């Protein structure tokens, strides 16, 4: 990604623009990361979720309403800044239908369950009672 001066935006520079920001990557592989970032940049994705245990496993702090964080590509280059608007916690099995469309990736609740069961199986181990953290966010800045 290019910064306003024409060079590549470094992570430290992106964090300096948003004091207190944490850096993170969507997904668990480069392909998924790129797909999710494209949805965010198009405005098709304004909600994301993960198992609470996933944050601990990666050593990432939980999102906090009002904080701006830096979404990175798979090489840890900053792509965009996102402000957390709302954070909800719920068991995997209790995910409501109305949060699916805003995630941008899934046709319906059943599609979401299949996709996330596979993702969670690869990352923290899947079980229907797994505690999920759901984050609603706004796109603040694109580093391009």
C-alpha atoms as a PDB file:
ATOM      1  CA  UNK A   1       0.000   0.000   0.000  1.00  0.00           C
ATOM      2  CA  UNK A   2       1.254   3.465  -0.694  1.00  0.00           C
ATOM      3  CA  UNK A   3       1.210   6.371   1.692  1.00  0.00           C
ATOM      4  CA  UNK A   4       0.312   9.894   0.643  1.00  0.00           C
ATOM      5  CA  UNK A   5       3.981  10.650  -0.099  1.00  0.00           C
ATOM      6  CA  UNK A   6       4.109   7.848  -2.682  1.00  0.00           C
ATOM      7  CA  UNK A   7       6.069   5.380  -0.542  1.00  0.00           C
ATOM      8  CA  UNK A   8       4.954   2.249   1.243  1.00  0.00           C
ATOM      9  CA  UNK A   9       3.160   2.990   4.503  1.00  0.00           C
ATOM     10  CA  UNK A  10       5.036   1.312   7.339  1.00  0.00           C
ATOM     11  CA  UNK A  11       3.134  -0.160  10.262  1.00  0.00           C
ATOM     12  CA  UNK A  12       4.795   2.183  12.763  1.00  0.00           C
ATOM     13  CA  UNK A  13       3.711   5.189  10.680  1.00  0.00           C
ATOM     14  CA  UNK A  14       0.130   3.911  10.475  1.00  0.00           C
ATOM     15  CA  UNK A  15       0.053   3.363  14.244  1.00  0.00           C
ATOM     16  CA  UNK A  16       1.474   6.851  14.820  1.00  0.00           C
ATOM     17  CA  UNK A  17      -1.469   8.283  12.852  1.00  0.00           C
ATOM     18  CA  UNK A  18      -3.836   6.432  15.219  1.00  0.00           C
ATOM     19  CA  UNK A  19      -2.343   6.467  18.744  1.00  0.00           C
ATOM     20  CA  UNK A  20      -3.300   3.400  20.774  1.00  0.00           C
ATOM     21  CA  UNK A  21      -4.056   1.351  17.654  1.00  0.00           C
ATOM     22  CA  UNK A  22      -3.395  -2.367  17.602  1.00  0.00           C
ATOM     23  CA  UNK A  23      -2.339  -4.135  14.394  1.00  0.00           C
ATOM     24  CA  UNK A  24      -4.113  -7.306  13.280  1.00  0.00           C
ATOM     25  CA  UNK A  25      -4.737  -9.523  10.269  1.00  0.00           C
ATOM     26  CA  UNK A  26      -8.055 -10.944   9.157  1.00  0.00           C
ATOM     27  CA  UNK A  27      -8.198 -14.706   8.618  1.00  0.00           C
ATOM     28  CA  UNK A  28      -5.691 -17.496   9.085  1.00  0.00           C
ATOM     29  CA  UNK A  29      -4.054 -17.500   5.649  1.00  0.00           C
ATOM     30  CA  UNK A  30      -3.040 -15.079   2.902  1.00  0.00           C
ATOM     31  CA  UNK A  31      -5.949 -15.908   0.575  1.00  0.00           C
ATOM     32  CA  UNK A  32      -8.636 -15.423   3.228  1.00  0.00           C
ATOM     33  CA  UNK A  33      -6.903 -12.282   4.478  1.00  0.00           C
ATOM     34  CA  UNK A  34      -6.958 -10.733   0.982  1.00  0.00           C
ATOM     35  CA  UNK A  35     -10.600 -11.702   0.412  1.00  0.00           C
ATOM     36  CA  UNK A  36     -11.750 -10.182   3.702  1.00  0.00           C
ATOM     37  CA  UNK A  37      -9.729  -6.992   3.216  1.00  0.00           C
ATOM     38  CA  UNK A  38     -11.304  -6.540  -0.230  1.00  0.00           C
ATOM     39  CA  UNK A  39     -14.772  -6.792   1.351  1.00  0.00           C
ATOM     40  CA  UNK A  40     -13.834  -4.221   3.997  1.00  0.00           C
ATOM     41  CA  UNK A  41     -12.426  -1.790   1.426  1.00  0.00           C
ATOM     42  CA  UNK A  42     -15.590  -2.107  -0.724  1.00  0.00           C
ATOM     43  CA  UNK A  43     -17.766  -1.411   2.317  1.00  0.00           C
ATOM     44  CA  UNK A  44     -19.411  -4.833   2.064  1.00  0.00           C
ATOM     45  CA  UNK A  45     -18.053  -5.934   5.454  1.00  0.00           C
ATOM     46  CA  UNK A  46     -18.766  -3.884   8.595  1.00  0.00           C
ATOM     47  CA  UNK A  47     -18.974  -6.748  11.099  1.00  0.00           C
ATOM     48  CA  UNK A  48     -16.435  -9.423  11.933  1.00  0.00           C
ATOM     49  CA  UNK A  49     -16.154 -12.080  14.588  1.00  0.00           C
ATOM     50  CA  UNK A  50     -13.805 -14.613  16.080  1.00  0.00           C
ATOM     51  CA  UNK A  51     -13.636 -16.892  19.070  1.00  0.00           C
ATOM     52  CA  UNK A  52     -12.592 -15.044  22.216  1.00  0.00           C
ATOM     53  CA  UNK A  53      -9.986 -17.796  22.610  1.00  0.00           C
ATOM     54  CA  UNK A  54      -8.552 -16.856  19.200  1.00  0.00           C
ATOM     55  CA  UNK A  55      -7.500 -13.426  20.445  1.00  0.00           C
ATOM     56  CA  UNK A  56      -5.670 -14.997  23.392  1.00  0.00           C
ATOM     57  CA  UNK A  57      -4.027 -17.606  21.141  1.00  0.00           C
ATOM     58  CA  UNK A  58      -2.667 -14.850  18.871  1.00  0.00           C
ATOM     59  CA  UNK A  59      -1.704 -12.590  21.779  1.00  0.00           C
ATOM     60  CA  UNK A  60      -4.071  -9.872  20.520  1.00  0.00           C
ATOM     61  CA  UNK A  61      -6.026  -7.604  22.829  1.00  0.00           C
ATOM     62  CA  UNK A  62      -9.793  -7.667  22.421  1.00  0.00           C
ATOM     63  CA  UNK A  63     -11.305  -4.846  20.364  1.00  0.00           C
ATOM     64  CA  UNK A  64     -12.719  -1.944  22.363  1.00  0.00           C
ATOM     65  CA  UNK A  65     -15.473   0.444  21.275  1.00  0.00           C
ATOM     66  CA  UNK A  66     -13.965   3.721  20.110  1.00  0.00           C
ATOM     67  CA  UNK A  67     -10.451   2.367  19.513  1.00  0.00           C
ATOM     68  CA  UNK A  68      -9.022   2.562  16.005  1.00  0.00           C
ATOM     69  CA  UNK A  69      -6.977  -0.470  14.917  1.00  0.00           C
ATOM     70  CA  UNK A  70      -4.858  -1.171  11.848  1.00  0.00           C
ATOM     71  CA  UNK A  71      -5.903  -4.021   9.527  1.00  0.00           C
ATOM     72  CA  UNK A  72      -2.852  -5.467   7.771  1.00  0.00           C
ATOM     73  CA  UNK A  73      -2.287  -7.689   4.785  1.00  0.00           C
ATOM     74  CA  UNK A  74      -0.642 -11.077   5.241  1.00  0.00           C
ATOM     75  CA  UNK A  75       2.825  -9.460   5.144  1.00  0.00           C
ATOM     76  CA  UNK A  76       1.886  -7.092   8.011  1.00  0.00           C
ATOM     77  CA  UNK A  77       1.646  -4.062   5.724  1.00  0.00           C
ATOM     78  CA  UNK A  78      -1.088  -1.665   6.893  1.00  0.00           C
ATOM     79  CA  UNK A  79      -4.102  -1.590   4.591  1.00  0.00           C
ATOM     80  CA  UNK A  80      -6.704   0.397   6.510  1.00  0.00           C
ATOM     81  CA  UNK A  81      -7.711   1.793   9.885  1.00  0.00           C
ATOM     82  CA  UNK A  82     -10.965   0.584  11.457  1.00  0.00           C
ATOM     83  CA  UNK A  83     -12.841   2.084  14.419  1.00  0.00           C
ATOM     84  CA  UNK A  84     -14.665  -0.389  16.648  1.00  0.00           C
ATOM     85  CA  UNK A  85     -18.271   0.743  17.088  1.00  0.00           C
ATOM     86  CA  UNK A  86     -19.708  -2.143  19.095  1.00  0.00           C
ATOM     87  CA  UNK A  87     -18.510  -5.384  20.691  1.00  0.00           C
ATOM     88  CA  UNK A  88     -20.844  -8.271  21.541  1.00  0.00           C
ATOM     89  CA  UNK A  89     -20.128 -11.672  23.092  1.00  0.00           C
ATOM     90  CA  UNK A  90     -22.226 -14.766  22.538  1.00  0.00           C
ATOM     91  CA  UNK A  91     -21.953 -18.528  22.107  1.00  0.00           C
ATOM     92  CA  UNK A  92     -21.307 -19.662  18.527  1.00  0.00           C
ATOM     93  CA  UNK A  93     -24.709 -21.394  18.434  1.00  0.00           C
ATOM     94  CA  UNK A  94     -26.514 -18.127  19.333  1.00  0.00           C
ATOM     95  CA  UNK A  95     -25.277 -16.017  16.403  1.00  0.00           C
ATOM     96  CA  UNK A  96     -28.356 -14.110  15.176  1.00  0.00           C
ATOM     97  CA  UNK A  97     -29.351 -14.024  11.524  1.00  0.00           C
ATOM     98  CA  UNK A  98     -29.272 -10.218  11.419  1.00  0.00           C
ATOM     99  CA  UNK A  99     -25.483 -10.064  11.906  1.00  0.00           C
ATOM    100  CA  UNK A 100     -24.693 -12.278   8.910  1.00  0.00           C
ATOM    101  CA  UNK A 101     -25.265  -9.891   5.987  1.00  0.00           C
ATOM    102  CA  UNK A 102     -22.994  -7.213   7.502  1.00  0.00           C
ATOM    103  CA  UNK A 103     -20.133  -9.736   7.565  1.00  0.00           C
ATOM    104  CA  UNK A 104     -20.188  -9.640   3.756  1.00  0.00           C
ATOM    105  CA  UNK A 105     -18.900 -13.169   3.167  1.00  0.00           C
ATOM    106  CA  UNK A 106     -21.858 -15.445   3.745  1.00  0.00           C
ATOM    107  CA  UNK A 107     -25.106 -16.255   1.948  1.00  0.00           C
ATOM    108  CA  UNK A 108     -27.033 -16.964   5.164  1.00  0.00           C
ATOM    109  CA  UNK A 109     -26.710 -18.190   8.750  1.00  0.00           C
ATOM    110  CA  UNK A 110     -26.103 -21.800   7.690  1.00  0.00           C
ATOM    111  CA  UNK A 111     -23.311 -20.701   5.340  1.00  0.00           C
ATOM    112  CA  UNK A 112     -21.798 -18.664   8.203  1.00  0.00           C
ATOM    113  CA  UNK A 113     -21.948 -21.677  10.549  1.00  0.00           C
ATOM    114  CA  UNK A 114     -20.189 -23.912   8.010  1.00  0.00           C
ATOM    115  CA  UNK A 115     -17.520 -21.321   7.228  1.00  0.00           C
ATOM    116  CA  UNK A 116     -16.794 -20.408  10.818  1.00  0.00           C
ATOM    117  CA  UNK A 117     -16.870 -24.008  12.054  1.00  0.00           C
ATOM    118  CA  UNK A 118     -14.129 -24.768   9.499  1.00  0.00           C
ATOM    119  CA  UNK A 119     -12.126 -21.632  10.396  1.00  0.00           C
ATOM    120  CA  UNK A 120     -12.418 -22.247  14.142  1.00  0.00           C
ATOM    121  CA  UNK A 121     -11.496 -25.894  13.643  1.00  0.00           C
ATOM    122  CA  UNK A 122      -8.249 -24.734  12.029  1.00  0.00           C
ATOM    123  CA  UNK A 123      -7.470 -22.103  14.664  1.00  0.00           C
ATOM    124  CA  UNK A 124      -8.767 -22.834  18.195  1.00  0.00           C
ATOM    125  CA  UNK A 125     -10.858 -25.970  17.892  1.00  0.00           C
ATOM    126  CA  UNK A 126     -14.565 -25.881  17.189  1.00  0.00           C
ATOM    127  CA  UNK A 127     -17.459 -26.533  19.536  1.00  0.00           C
ATOM    128  CA  UNK A 128     -21.002 -25.072  19.313  1.00  0.00           C
ATOM    129  CA  UNK A 129     -20.705 -23.408  22.734  1.00  0.00           C
ATOM    130  CA  UNK A 130     -17.480 -21.574  21.874  1.00  0.00           C
ATOM    131  CA  UNK A 131     -17.663 -17.950  23.016  1.00  0.00           C
ATOM    132  CA  UNK A 132     -17.587 -15.576  20.055  1.00  0.00           C
ATOM    133  CA  UNK A 133     -16.688 -11.908  19.994  1.00  0.00           C
ATOM    134  CA  UNK A 134     -18.612  -9.927  17.375  1.00  0.00           C
ATOM    135  CA  UNK A 135     -17.251  -6.542  16.350  1.00  0.00           C
ATOM    136  CA  UNK A 136     -19.069  -3.853  14.377  1.00  0.00           C
ATOM    137  CA  UNK A 137     -16.632  -1.345  12.843  1.00  0.00           C
ATOM    138  CA  UNK A 138     -16.349   1.711  10.599  1.00  0.00           C
ATOM    139  CA  UNK A 139     -13.659   2.253   7.974  1.00  0.00           C
ATOM    140  CA  UNK A 140     -11.642   5.298   9.061  1.00  0.00           C
ATOM    141  CA  UNK A 141      -8.728   5.454   6.619  1.00  0.00           C
ATOM    142  CA  UNK A 142      -7.303   3.530   3.679  1.00  0.00           C
ATOM    143  CA  UNK A 143      -3.524   3.550   3.435  1.00  0.00           C
ATOM    144  CA  UNK A 144      -3.206   3.819  -0.341  1.00  0.00           C
END
